[in-house]
Structures are given as C-alpha cells and as structure tokens.
C-alpha cells in the first residue's frame, strides 16, 4: 500500500490517498509512515507546514450584524440578487 498526498500548484495538499500501486505524477507526493500530512498542509519543497487555522467567525461582530449578514446571504441565494 502506498500513501500519497496530492498537492495543488501552490503546494497545498487537497487529498491524502492510499493506493495499491505507485503513482507517477508531479502532484502526487509519496509519504512515509512517519508523515502526518493532512488536507490543508503545505509542501514547501522540503518539509510539510501545517498552517494556523483560520478563525471561523469574524471578531467583534455583533449579533445584529451577524443576523443582517445571514439575511443578506439568504436573500442573495433565494432571489438571485434581485
């Protein structure tokens, strides 16, 4: 079994796969058993970098502002920007 990380052109891993055979692709990097690579990790050409997670919610946004943003997004989805 071969473990690979498939990366985008910027080095970001977008999938980790276990294959029955070897892969021959520049976007597929063979991993060893010690590599703890996850989706979102970045290959810089020498090592894997795990970026800091992006905060899921904006800071200092009031409940009223959050509701307004959600309502606006819902209107956009339902009405198509009408």
Protein backbone atom coordinates (compact mmCIF):
# COMPACT_ATOMS: atom_id res chain seq x y z
CA UNK A 1 0.00 0.00 0.00
CA UNK A 2 1.34 3.42 -0.97
CA UNK A 3 0.32 6.62 0.83
CA UNK A 4 0.30 9.81 -1.24
CA UNK A 5 -0.51 13.46 -0.72
CA UNK A 6 -1.91 15.16 -3.79
CA UNK A 7 -0.97 18.82 -3.95
CA UNK A 8 -2.08 21.88 -5.87
CA UNK A 9 0.42 24.05 -7.77
CA UNK A 10 0.93 26.15 -4.62
CA UNK A 11 1.91 23.05 -2.61
CA UNK A 12 -1.34 22.80 -0.65
CA UNK A 13 -2.47 19.23 -0.01
CA UNK A 14 -6.05 18.66 -1.08
CA UNK A 15 -6.26 14.90 -0.56
CA UNK A 16 -4.38 12.03 1.05
CA UNK A 17 -4.76 8.68 -0.71
CA UNK A 18 -3.81 5.07 -0.14
CA UNK A 19 -3.07 3.39 -3.47
CA UNK A 20 -2.36 -0.21 -4.37
CA UNK A 21 0.43 0.82 -6.74
CA UNK A 22 2.89 3.60 -7.30
CA UNK A 23 1.73 6.88 -8.86
CA UNK A 24 3.72 8.80 -11.44
CA UNK A 25 2.58 12.40 -11.18
CA UNK A 26 4.26 15.62 -10.10
CA UNK A 27 1.23 16.44 -7.98
CA UNK A 28 1.39 13.14 -6.06
CA UNK A 29 3.97 13.05 -3.26
CA UNK A 30 4.82 9.68 -1.75
CA UNK A 31 4.54 9.76 2.04
CA UNK A 32 6.23 7.51 4.55
CA UNK A 33 4.70 6.08 7.70
CA UNK A 34 6.10 8.95 9.78
CA UNK A 35 4.45 11.69 7.70
CA UNK A 36 1.40 13.14 9.46
CA UNK A 37 0.05 15.04 6.47
CA UNK A 38 -3.48 16.41 6.49
CA UNK A 39 -5.61 18.19 3.93
CA UNK A 40 -4.61 21.86 4.02
CA UNK A 41 -0.97 21.20 4.89
CA UNK A 42 1.53 22.85 2.55
CA UNK A 43 4.62 21.27 0.97
CA UNK A 44 7.35 23.91 0.63
CA UNK A 45 9.62 21.65 -1.41
CA UNK A 46 11.44 20.26 1.63
CA UNK A 47 9.03 19.94 4.55
CA UNK A 48 5.33 19.92 5.35
CA UNK A 49 3.92 23.02 7.02
CA UNK A 50 0.64 22.99 8.91
CA UNK A 51 -0.89 26.48 8.64
CA UNK A 52 -2.66 28.06 11.58
CA UNK A 53 -6.43 27.51 11.36
CA UNK A 54 -8.46 30.45 10.14
CA UNK A 55 -10.96 31.71 12.73
CA UNK A 56 -14.44 30.54 11.78
CA UNK A 57 -16.19 33.70 12.94
CA UNK A 58 -15.19 37.31 12.49
CA UNK A 59 -14.15 39.01 15.69
CA UNK A 60 -16.08 41.91 17.20
CA UNK A 61 -19.22 41.37 15.13
CA UNK A 62 -22.45 41.96 17.00
CA UNK A 63 -25.35 39.56 16.88
CA UNK A 64 -27.39 42.11 14.91
CA UNK A 65 -24.61 42.39 12.30
CA UNK A 66 -24.39 38.60 12.02
CA UNK A 67 -28.14 38.35 11.51
CA UNK A 68 -28.00 41.06 8.83
CA UNK A 69 -25.19 39.23 7.03
CA UNK A 70 -27.11 35.95 7.14
CA UNK A 71 -30.30 37.60 5.89
CA UNK A 72 -28.40 39.25 3.07
CA UNK A 73 -26.80 35.95 2.05
CA UNK A 74 -30.17 34.21 2.20
CA UNK A 75 -31.77 36.90 0.02
CA UNK A 76 -28.94 36.51 -2.47
CA UNK A 77 -29.50 32.75 -2.61
CA UNK A 78 -33.27 32.90 -2.85
CA UNK A 79 -33.70 35.96 -5.04
CA UNK A 80 -30.50 35.85 -7.05
CA UNK A 81 -29.58 39.42 -6.22
CA UNK A 82 -32.95 40.95 -7.17
